Amino acid sequence: MLSFGTFQFALSRPLVMGIVNVTPDSFSDGGRLGQSAIDHAHRLIEEGADIIDIGGESTRPGAVPVSIEDELSRVIPVIEALPGIPVSIDTFKPDVMRAAILAGAQMVNDIDALQNPLAMQIVAASNVAVCLMHKRGVPQTMQMQPEYEDVVAEVSAFLRERVMAARAAGIAQDRIVVDPGFGFGKTLAHNLALLRELHRFAALGVPVLAGLSRKSMLGSLTGQDAMSRMPASVAAAIIAVQRGAAIVRVHDVRATVDALKILNAINGGCNE
């Protein structure tokens, strides 16, 4: 069971989180601003998304930071326009977290894994869910020769520590999700190792989110640019689910939902 603010997800099947980037510079679909972002969110729900993940600042490698004011002006109107829809706010800024929760967000998706004490305090004082992600470095530099002795063990240890910190702060275990952070301070080999061994993260006792959609690792493997990586993204999502992911964060919702229906049927699961 995942407690997602006022929503409850039984996790009897994989959940699909649809991406809405309210930014001009996202690596894949930058430019979804204002009403177009709201329309896009509704379209993703119609296509079968369980959750909408709204971000107002690109965290792609080399991304330029934006001010709190700019981020708020991008995301808050979109969140407020989606009442009754399970919404996640993709941010690492405590001020944005607080405002987004007040506007109706039901999850905080934090690439910094609540390492900011104020972020931890804000989430702990609410009833929202949280996704704790692993990354190494900052978006501007994280892909500059990242190194690990054992990437799976090191990422797992970090996430275990963050889950324990969240629990100690008063965040119930059924509100916590972890994300190994594909592409955030990892080489292609690191990403493949994490995907190959994704089942090992089940030992953390919380749902695992996999965000592989349209990422550069898929471009490295297929030679396709970001907008042509839908088939590879769907394949990666299916592999992630087969290896234990409870949530997949994707751009191509309809294609992913259809593929998961086939997988669930083969496995004897429920598509409702």
C-alpha atoms as a PDB file:
ATOM      1  CA  MET A   1       0.000   0.000   0.000  1.00  0.00           C
ATOM      2  CA  LEU A   2       1.206   3.497  -0.881  1.00  0.00           C
ATOM      3  CA  SER A   3      -0.347   6.383   1.048  1.00  0.00           C
ATOM      4  CA  PHE A   4      -0.347   9.244  -1.432  1.00  0.00           C
ATOM      5  CA  GLY A   5      -1.821  12.167   0.447  1.00  0.00           C
ATOM      6  CA  THR A   6      -5.593  11.683   0.298  1.00  0.00           C
ATOM      7  CA  PHE A   7      -5.160   8.811  -2.188  1.00  0.00           C
ATOM      8  CA  GLN A   8      -4.331   5.174  -1.488  1.00  0.00           C
ATOM      9  CA  PHE A   9      -2.671   2.894  -4.047  1.00  0.00           C
ATOM     10  CA  ALA A  10      -2.877  -0.839  -3.390  1.00  0.00           C
ATOM     11  CA  LEU A  11       0.107  -1.552  -5.700  1.00  0.00           C
ATOM     12  CA  SER A  12      -1.653  -4.645  -7.019  1.00  0.00           C
ATOM     13  CA  ARG A  13      -0.283  -3.606 -10.410  1.00  0.00           C
ATOM     14  CA  PRO A  14       2.496  -1.235 -11.509  1.00  0.00           C
ATOM     15  CA  LEU A  15       1.601   2.439 -11.424  1.00  0.00           C
ATOM     16  CA  VAL A  16       2.322   4.778 -14.318  1.00  0.00           C
ATOM     17  CA  MET A  17       3.539   8.273 -13.491  1.00  0.00           C
ATOM     18  CA  GLY A  18       3.098  10.667 -16.406  1.00  0.00           C
ATOM     19  CA  ILE A  19       5.640  13.448 -16.836  1.00  0.00           C
ATOM     20  CA  VAL A  20       4.566  17.064 -17.292  1.00  0.00           C
ATOM     21  CA  ASN A  21       7.577  19.368 -17.665  1.00  0.00           C
ATOM     22  CA  VAL A  22       6.517  22.988 -17.232  1.00  0.00           C
ATOM     23  CA  THR A  23       9.878  24.209 -18.482  1.00  0.00           C
ATOM     24  CA  PRO A  24      11.318  25.696 -21.659  1.00  0.00           C
ATOM     25  CA  ASP A  25      14.432  23.496 -21.579  1.00  0.00           C
ATOM     26  CA  SER A  26      13.576  19.924 -20.645  1.00  0.00           C
ATOM     27  CA  PHE A  27      15.791  17.498 -22.565  1.00  0.00           C
ATOM     28  CA  SER A  28      12.766  15.783 -24.091  1.00  0.00           C
ATOM     29  CA  ASP A  29       9.620  17.899 -24.094  1.00  0.00           C
ATOM     30  CA  GLY A  30      10.607  21.381 -23.052  1.00  0.00           C
ATOM     31  CA  GLY A  31       8.112  24.137 -23.702  1.00  0.00           C
ATOM     32  CA  ARG A  32       5.022  22.743 -21.982  1.00  0.00           C
ATOM     33  CA  LEU A  33       4.072  25.993 -20.265  1.00  0.00           C
ATOM     34  CA  GLY A  34       0.780  27.372 -18.998  1.00  0.00           C
ATOM     35  CA  GLN A  35      -2.450  25.983 -20.401  1.00  0.00           C
ATOM     36  CA  SER A  36      -0.624  23.515 -22.648  1.00  0.00           C
ATOM     37  CA  ALA A  37       0.800  21.814 -19.555  1.00  0.00           C
ATOM     38  CA  ILE A  38      -2.646  21.543 -17.982  1.00  0.00           C
ATOM     39  CA  ASP A  39      -4.099  20.110 -21.181  1.00  0.00           C
ATOM     40  CA  HIS A  40      -1.194  17.691 -21.428  1.00  0.00           C
ATOM     41  CA  ALA A  41      -1.776  16.502 -17.851  1.00  0.00           C
ATOM     42  CA  HIS A  42      -5.447  15.806 -18.579  1.00  0.00           C
ATOM     43  CA  ARG A  43      -4.458  13.949 -21.730  1.00  0.00           C
ATOM     44  CA  LEU A  44      -2.035  11.740 -19.804  1.00  0.00           C
ATOM     45  CA  ILE A  45      -4.769  10.885 -17.293  1.00  0.00           C
ATOM     46  CA  GLU A  46      -7.077   9.938 -20.175  1.00  0.00           C
ATOM     47  CA  GLU A  47      -4.296   7.718 -21.538  1.00  0.00           C
ATOM     48  CA  GLY A  48      -4.104   5.843 -18.244  1.00  0.00           C
ATOM     49  CA  ALA A  49      -1.611   7.665 -16.021  1.00  0.00           C
ATOM     50  CA  ASP A  50      -2.168   7.023 -12.312  1.00  0.00           C
ATOM     51  CA  ILE A  51      -0.049   9.972 -11.192  1.00  0.00           C
ATOM     52  CA  ILE A  52       1.011  13.245 -12.818  1.00  0.00           C
ATOM     53  CA  ASP A  53       4.539  14.421 -11.997  1.00  0.00           C
ATOM     54  CA  ILE A  54       4.899  18.173 -12.496  1.00  0.00           C
ATOM     55  CA  GLY A  55       8.321  19.798 -12.725  1.00  0.00           C
ATOM     56  CA  GLY A  56       9.230  23.443 -13.194  1.00  0.00           C
ATOM     57  CA  GLU A  57      13.002  23.120 -13.364  1.00  0.00           C
ATOM     58  CA  SER A  58      14.950  20.847 -15.665  1.00  0.00           C
ATOM     59  CA  THR A  59      17.439  18.561 -13.888  1.00  0.00           C
ATOM     60  CA  ARG A  60      18.970  17.151 -17.053  1.00  0.00           C
ATOM     61  CA  PRO A  61      22.784  17.085 -17.179  1.00  0.00           C
ATOM     62  CA  GLY A  62      24.049  20.634 -17.636  1.00  0.00           C
ATOM     63  CA  ALA A  63      20.704  22.266 -16.845  1.00  0.00           C
ATOM     64  CA  VAL A  64      20.722  25.904 -15.760  1.00  0.00           C
ATOM     65  CA  PRO A  65      19.156  26.521 -12.311  1.00  0.00           C
ATOM     66  CA  VAL A  66      15.992  28.610 -12.083  1.00  0.00           C
ATOM     67  CA  SER A  67      14.842  30.888  -9.289  1.00  0.00           C
ATOM     68  CA  ILE A  68      12.259  29.867  -6.711  1.00  0.00           C
ATOM     69  CA  GLU A  69       9.948  32.566  -8.061  1.00  0.00           C
ATOM     70  CA  ASP A  70      10.158  31.271 -11.621  1.00  0.00           C
ATOM     71  CA  GLU A  71       9.629  27.683 -10.540  1.00  0.00           C
ATOM     72  CA  LEU A  72       6.600  28.618  -8.443  1.00  0.00           C
ATOM     73  CA  SER A  73       5.075  30.647 -11.274  1.00  0.00           C
ATOM     74  CA  ARG A  74       5.370  27.629 -13.551  1.00  0.00           C
ATOM     75  CA  VAL A  75       4.072  24.808 -11.360  1.00  0.00           C
ATOM     76  CA  ILE A  76       1.525  26.229  -8.922  1.00  0.00           C
ATOM     77  CA  PRO A  77      -1.100  27.231 -11.537  1.00  0.00           C
ATOM     78  CA  VAL A  78      -0.854  23.764 -13.071  1.00  0.00           C
ATOM     79  CA  ILE A  79      -1.267  21.981  -9.734  1.00  0.00           C
ATOM     80  CA  GLU A  80      -4.225  24.183  -8.814  1.00  0.00           C
ATOM     81  CA  ALA A  81      -5.864  23.364 -12.156  1.00  0.00           C
ATOM     82  CA  LEU A  82      -5.779  19.602 -11.453  1.00  0.00           C
ATOM     83  CA  PRO A  83      -8.036  19.046  -8.421  1.00  0.00           C
ATOM     84  CA  GLY A  84      -8.912  15.429  -7.701  1.00  0.00           C
ATOM     85  CA  ILE A  85      -5.899  14.128  -9.636  1.00  0.00           C
ATOM     86  CA  PRO A  86      -2.934  12.454  -7.881  1.00  0.00           C
ATOM     87  CA  VAL A  87      -0.177  15.030  -8.454  1.00  0.00           C
ATOM     88  CA  SER A  88       3.511  14.828  -7.604  1.00  0.00           C
ATOM     89  CA  ILE A  89       5.749  17.900  -7.482  1.00  0.00           C
ATOM     90  CA  ASP A  90       9.223  17.288  -8.891  1.00  0.00           C
ATOM     91  CA  THR A  91      11.407  19.708  -6.924  1.00  0.00           C
ATOM     92  CA  PHE A  92      14.268  19.842  -4.450  1.00  0.00           C
ATOM     93  CA  LYS A  93      13.434  23.324  -3.127  1.00  0.00           C
ATOM     94  CA  PRO A  94      11.648  23.440   0.252  1.00  0.00           C
ATOM     95  CA  ASP A  95       9.757  26.631  -0.592  1.00  0.00           C
ATOM     96  CA  VAL A  96       8.370  25.027  -3.737  1.00  0.00           C
ATOM     97  CA  MET A  97       7.488  21.862  -1.828  1.00  0.00           C
ATOM     98  CA  ARG A  98       5.528  23.858   0.760  1.00  0.00           C
ATOM     99  CA  ALA A  99       3.619  25.889  -1.824  1.00  0.00           C
ATOM    100  CA  ALA A 100       2.910  22.841  -3.986  1.00  0.00           C
ATOM    101  CA  ILE A 101       1.508  20.883  -1.048  1.00  0.00           C
ATOM    102  CA  LEU A 102      -0.744  23.807  -0.166  1.00  0.00           C
ATOM    103  CA  ALA A 103      -1.848  23.947  -3.817  1.00  0.00           C
ATOM    104  CA  GLY A 104      -2.830  20.266  -3.771  1.00  0.00           C
ATOM    105  CA  ALA A 105       0.252  18.179  -4.565  1.00  0.00           C
ATOM    106  CA  GLN A 106       0.077  14.745  -2.960  1.00  0.00           C
ATOM    107  CA  MET A 107       3.709  13.703  -3.379  1.00  0.00           C
ATOM    108  CA  VAL A 108       7.141  15.328  -3.277  1.00  0.00           C
ATOM    109  CA  ASN A 109       9.559  13.854  -5.819  1.00  0.00           C
ATOM    110  CA  ASP A 110      12.936  15.032  -4.527  1.00  0.00           C
ATOM    111  CA  ILE A 111      16.161  14.378  -6.413  1.00  0.00           C
ATOM    112  CA  ASP A 112      18.000  15.357  -3.197  1.00  0.00           C
ATOM    113  CA  ALA A 113      16.186  12.695  -1.127  1.00  0.00           C
ATOM    114  CA  LEU A 114      15.168  15.195   1.607  1.00  0.00           C
ATOM    115  CA  GLN A 115      18.776  15.867   2.582  1.00  0.00           C
ATOM    116  CA  ASN A 116      17.768  19.489   3.155  1.00  0.00           C
ATOM    117  CA  PRO A 117      16.512  19.543   6.788  1.00  0.00           C
ATOM    118  CA  LEU A 118      13.749  22.024   5.926  1.00  0.00           C
ATOM    119  CA  ALA A 119      12.533  19.767   3.103  1.00  0.00           C
ATOM    120  CA  MET A 120      12.404  16.852   5.546  1.00  0.00           C
ATOM    121  CA  GLN A 121      10.480  18.983   8.037  1.00  0.00           C
ATOM    122  CA  ILE A 122       7.930  20.124   5.443  1.00  0.00           C
ATOM    123  CA  VAL A 123       7.194  16.618   4.196  1.00  0.00           C
ATOM    124  CA  ALA A 124       7.100  15.137   7.705  1.00  0.00           C
ATOM    125  CA  ALA A 125       4.560  17.758   8.800  1.00  0.00           C
ATOM    126  CA  SER A 126       2.237  16.843   5.907  1.00  0.00           C
ATOM    127  CA  ASN A 127       0.470  13.675   4.801  1.00  0.00           C
ATOM    128  CA  VAL A 128       2.050  13.569   1.338  1.00  0.00           C
ATOM    129  CA  ALA A 129       4.130  10.759  -0.104  1.00  0.00           C
ATOM    130  CA  VAL A 130       7.794  11.269  -0.943  1.00  0.00           C
ATOM    131  CA  CYS A 131      10.136   9.818  -3.521  1.00  0.00           C
ATOM    132  CA  LEU A 132      13.742   9.690  -2.337  1.00  0.00           C
ATOM    133  CA  MET A 133      16.136   9.639  -5.282  1.00  0.00           C
ATOM    134  CA  HIS A 134      19.845   8.931  -5.488  1.00  0.00           C
ATOM    135  CA  LYS A 135      22.124  11.223  -7.435  1.00  0.00           C
ATOM    136  CA  ARG A 136      25.788  12.075  -7.299  1.00  0.00           C
ATOM    137  CA  GLY A 137      26.774  15.707  -7.686  1.00  0.00           C
ATOM    138  CA  VAL A 138      24.575  18.425  -9.157  1.00  0.00           C
ATOM    139  CA  PRO A 139      22.930  18.537 -12.608  1.00  0.00           C
ATOM    140  CA  GLN A 140      25.591  20.908 -13.897  1.00  0.00           C
ATOM    141  CA  THR A 141      28.451  18.448 -13.201  1.00  0.00           C
ATOM    142  CA  MET A 142      26.980  15.050 -12.317  1.00  0.00           C
ATOM    143  CA  GLN A 143      27.915  13.353 -15.591  1.00  0.00           C
ATOM    144  CA  MET A 144      31.583  14.316 -15.403  1.00  0.00           C
ATOM    145  CA  GLN A 145      33.254  10.910 -14.957  1.00  0.00           C
ATOM    146  CA  PRO A 146      31.104   9.467 -12.147  1.00  0.00           C
ATOM    147  CA  GLU A 147      32.817   6.569 -10.384  1.00  0.00           C
ATOM    148  CA  TYR A 148      31.634   3.798  -8.053  1.00  0.00           C
ATOM    149  CA  GLU A 149      33.264   0.668  -6.690  1.00  0.00           C
ATOM    150  CA  ASP A 150      29.881  -1.102  -6.631  1.00  0.00           C
ATOM    151  CA  VAL A 151      27.114   1.114  -7.954  1.00  0.00           C
ATOM    152  CA  VAL A 152      24.238  -1.133  -6.841  1.00  0.00           C
ATOM    153  CA  ALA A 153      25.559  -1.522  -3.304  1.00  0.00           C
ATOM    154  CA  GLU A 154      26.402   2.178  -2.955  1.00  0.00           C
ATOM    155  CA  VAL A 155      23.065   3.418  -4.297  1.00  0.00           C
ATOM    156  CA  SER A 156      21.215   0.902  -2.131  1.00  0.00           C
ATOM    157  CA  ALA A 157      23.140   1.959   0.982  1.00  0.00           C
ATOM    158  CA  PHE A 158      22.385   5.621   0.318  1.00  0.00           C
ATOM    159  CA  LEU A 159      18.672   4.979  -0.171  1.00  0.00           C
ATOM    160  CA  ARG A 160      18.517   2.781   2.938  1.00  0.00           C
ATOM    161  CA  GLU A 161      20.025   5.630   4.972  1.00  0.00           C
ATOM    162  CA  ARG A 162      17.536   8.125   3.527  1.00  0.00           C
ATOM    163  CA  VAL A 163      14.571   5.844   4.248  1.00  0.00           C
ATOM    164  CA  MET A 164      15.783   5.486   7.831  1.00  0.00           C
ATOM    165  CA  ALA A 165      16.187   9.277   8.119  1.00  0.00           C
ATOM    166  CA  ALA A 166      12.676   9.831   6.784  1.00  0.00           C
ATOM    167  CA  ARG A 167      11.233   7.282   9.197  1.00  0.00           C
ATOM    168  CA  ALA A 168      13.107   8.911  12.087  1.00  0.00           C
ATOM    169  CA  ALA A 169      11.600  12.270  11.108  1.00  0.00           C
ATOM    170  CA  GLY A 170       8.100  10.809  11.392  1.00  0.00           C
ATOM    171  CA  ILE A 171       7.333   9.917   7.770  1.00  0.00           C
ATOM    172  CA  ALA A 172       5.462   6.603   7.743  1.00  0.00           C
ATOM    173  CA  GLN A 173       6.949   3.805   5.684  1.00  0.00           C
ATOM    174  CA  ASP A 174       3.823   3.555   3.517  1.00  0.00           C
ATOM    175  CA  ARG A 175       4.451   7.149   2.344  1.00  0.00           C
ATOM    176  CA  ILE A 176       7.976   6.458   1.059  1.00  0.00           C
ATOM    177  CA  VAL A 177       9.164   5.521  -2.450  1.00  0.00           C
ATOM    178  CA  VAL A 178      12.776   5.177  -3.603  1.00  0.00           C
ATOM    179  CA  ASP A 179      14.342   5.874  -6.991  1.00  0.00           C
ATOM    180  CA  PRO A 180      17.894   4.732  -7.902  1.00  0.00           C
ATOM    181  CA  GLY A 181      18.246   7.800 -10.129  1.00  0.00           C
ATOM    182  CA  PHE A 182      19.009   6.484 -13.587  1.00  0.00           C
ATOM    183  CA  GLY A 183      21.188   9.017 -15.398  1.00  0.00           C
ATOM    184  CA  PHE A 184      21.919  11.129 -12.329  1.00  0.00           C
ATOM    185  CA  GLY A 185      25.664  10.804 -11.889  1.00  0.00           C
ATOM    186  CA  LYS A 186      25.937   7.407 -13.602  1.00  0.00           C
ATOM    187  CA  THR A 187      27.549   6.083 -16.754  1.00  0.00           C
ATOM    188  CA  LEU A 188      25.781   3.765 -19.167  1.00  0.00           C
ATOM    189  CA  ALA A 189      27.412   0.798 -17.431  1.00  0.00           C
ATOM    190  CA  HIS A 190      26.201   2.036 -14.046  1.00  0.00           C
ATOM    191  CA  ASN A 191      22.651   2.485 -15.338  1.00  0.00           C
ATOM    192  CA  LEU A 192      22.583  -0.973 -16.861  1.00  0.00           C
ATOM    193  CA  ALA A 193      23.864  -2.517 -13.635  1.00  0.00           C
ATOM    194  CA  LEU A 194      21.142  -0.752 -11.640  1.00  0.00           C
ATOM    195  CA  LEU A 195      18.436  -1.923 -14.040  1.00  0.00           C
ATOM    196  CA  ARG A 196      19.819  -5.450 -14.131  1.00  0.00           C
ATOM    197  CA  GLU A 197      19.856  -5.646 -10.328  1.00  0.00           C
ATOM    198  CA  LEU A 198      16.768  -3.545  -9.629  1.00  0.00           C
ATOM    199  CA  HIS A 199      15.190  -6.418  -7.707  1.00  0.00           C
ATOM    200  CA  ARG A 200      17.765  -5.918  -4.965  1.00  0.00           C
ATOM    201  CA  PHE A 201      16.155  -2.632  -3.964  1.00  0.00           C
ATOM    202  CA  ALA A 202      13.072  -4.512  -2.770  1.00  0.00           C
ATOM    203  CA  ALA A 203      15.064  -5.201   0.391  1.00  0.00           C
ATOM    204  CA  LEU A 204      14.502  -1.564   1.362  1.00  0.00           C
ATOM    205  CA  GLY A 205      10.879  -2.420   2.109  1.00  0.00           C
ATOM    206  CA  VAL A 206       9.316   0.421   0.106  1.00  0.00           C
ATOM    207  CA  PRO A 207       8.098   0.739  -3.511  1.00  0.00           C
ATOM    208  CA  VAL A 208      10.713   1.369  -6.188  1.00  0.00           C
ATOM    209  CA  LEU A 209      10.229   4.001  -8.888  1.00  0.00           C
ATOM    210  CA  ALA A 210      12.127   3.680 -12.168  1.00  0.00           C
ATOM    211  CA  GLY A 211      12.599   6.725 -14.370  1.00  0.00           C
ATOM    212  CA  LEU A 212      14.158   5.623 -17.648  1.00  0.00           C
ATOM    213  CA  SER A 213      11.925   7.334 -20.177  1.00  0.00           C
ATOM    214  CA  ARG A 214      13.773   8.836 -23.167  1.00  0.00           C
ATOM    215  CA  LYS A 215      17.024   9.075 -21.199  1.00  0.00           C
ATOM    216  CA  SER A 216      20.428   9.322 -22.816  1.00  0.00           C
ATOM    217  CA  MET A 217      21.301   5.746 -21.854  1.00  0.00           C
ATOM    218  CA  LEU A 218      18.583   4.627 -24.263  1.00  0.00           C
ATOM    219  CA  GLY A 219      19.986   6.932 -26.912  1.00  0.00           C
ATOM    220  CA  SER A 220      23.433   5.431 -26.397  1.00  0.00           C
ATOM    221  CA  LEU A 221      22.019   1.944 -26.925  1.00  0.00           C
ATOM    222  CA  THR A 222      19.760   2.715 -29.888  1.00  0.00           C
ATOM    223  CA  GLY A 223      21.316   5.739 -31.584  1.00  0.00           C
ATOM    224  CA  GLN A 224      17.962   7.554 -31.437  1.00  0.00           C
ATOM    225  CA  ASP A 225      17.410  11.152 -30.361  1.00  0.00           C
ATOM    226  CA  ALA A 226      15.187  11.925 -27.367  1.00  0.00           C
ATOM    227  CA  MET A 227      11.940  12.247 -29.323  1.00  0.00           C
ATOM    228  CA  SER A 228      12.521   8.912 -31.104  1.00  0.00           C
ATOM    229  CA  ARG A 229      13.115   6.806 -27.991  1.00  0.00           C
ATOM    230  CA  MET A 230       9.518   5.744 -27.299  1.00  0.00           C
ATOM    231  CA  PRO A 231      10.008   2.041 -28.192  1.00  0.00           C
ATOM    232  CA  ALA A 232      13.183   1.846 -26.115  1.00  0.00           C
ATOM    233  CA  SER A 233      11.474   3.666 -23.240  1.00  0.00           C
ATOM    234  CA  VAL A 234       8.553   1.240 -23.207  1.00  0.00           C
ATOM    235  CA  ALA A 235      10.937  -1.720 -23.289  1.00  0.00           C
ATOM    236  CA  ALA A 236      12.924  -0.247 -20.397  1.00  0.00           C
ATOM    237  CA  ALA A 237       9.736   0.304 -18.373  1.00  0.00           C
ATOM    238  CA  ILE A 238       8.656  -3.299 -18.885  1.00  0.00           C
ATOM    239  CA  ILE A 239      12.083  -4.600 -17.885  1.00  0.00           C
ATOM    240  CA  ALA A 240      12.031  -2.377 -14.784  1.00  0.00           C
ATOM    241  CA  VAL A 241       8.637  -3.749 -13.750  1.00  0.00           C
ATOM    242  CA  GLN A 242       9.799  -7.302 -14.323  1.00  0.00           C
ATOM    243  CA  ARG A 243      12.695  -6.557 -11.990  1.00  0.00           C
ATOM    244  CA  GLY A 244      10.533  -5.135  -9.236  1.00  0.00           C
ATOM    245  CA  ALA A 245       9.614  -1.515 -10.026  1.00  0.00           C
ATOM    246  CA  ALA A 246       6.231  -0.573  -8.568  1.00  0.00           C
ATOM    247  CA  ILE A 247       6.079   2.776 -10.407  1.00  0.00           C
ATOM    248  CA  VAL A 248       7.418   3.790 -13.794  1.00  0.00           C
ATOM    249  CA  ARG A 249       7.857   7.470 -14.627  1.00  0.00           C
ATOM    250  CA  VAL A 250       7.246   7.976 -18.343  1.00  0.00           C
ATOM    251  CA  HIS A 251       6.538  10.443 -21.138  1.00  0.00           C
ATOM    252  CA  ASP A 252       4.711   7.954 -23.388  1.00  0.00           C
ATOM    253  CA  VAL A 253       1.819   6.995 -21.145  1.00  0.00           C
ATOM    254  CA  ARG A 254      -0.546   5.264 -23.572  1.00  0.00           C
ATOM    255  CA  ALA A 255       2.134   3.005 -25.039  1.00  0.00           C
ATOM    256  CA  THR A 256       3.455   2.112 -21.586  1.00  0.00           C
ATOM    257  CA  VAL A 257      -0.016   1.402 -20.192  1.00  0.00           C
ATOM    258  CA  ASP A 258      -0.816  -0.887 -23.132  1.00  0.00           C
ATOM    259  CA  ALA A 259       2.461  -2.772 -22.759  1.00  0.00           C
ATOM    260  CA  LEU A 260       1.894  -3.213 -19.023  1.00  0.00           C
ATOM    261  CA  LYS A 261      -1.604  -4.584 -19.673  1.00  0.00           C
ATOM    262  CA  ILE A 262      -0.066  -7.350 -21.759  1.00  0.00           C
ATOM    263  CA  LEU A 263       2.545  -8.078 -19.108  1.00  0.00           C
ATOM    264  CA  ASN A 264      -0.065  -8.131 -16.345  1.00  0.00           C
ATOM    265  CA  ALA A 265      -2.310 -10.469 -18.337  1.00  0.00           C
ATOM    266  CA  ILE A 266       0.560 -12.872 -18.963  1.00  0.00           C
ATOM    267  CA  ASN A 267       1.407 -12.800 -15.261  1.00  0.00           C
ATOM    268  CA  GLY A 268      -2.211 -13.387 -14.298  1.00  0.00           C
ATOM    269  CA  GLY A 269      -2.559  -9.966 -12.715  1.00  0.00           C
ATOM    270  CA  CYS A 270      -5.303  -7.373 -12.649  1.00  0.00           C
ATOM    271  CA  ASN A 271      -5.442  -4.440 -15.050  1.00  0.00           C
ATOM    272  CA  GLU A 272      -8.034  -2.485 -13.059  1.00  0.00           C
END
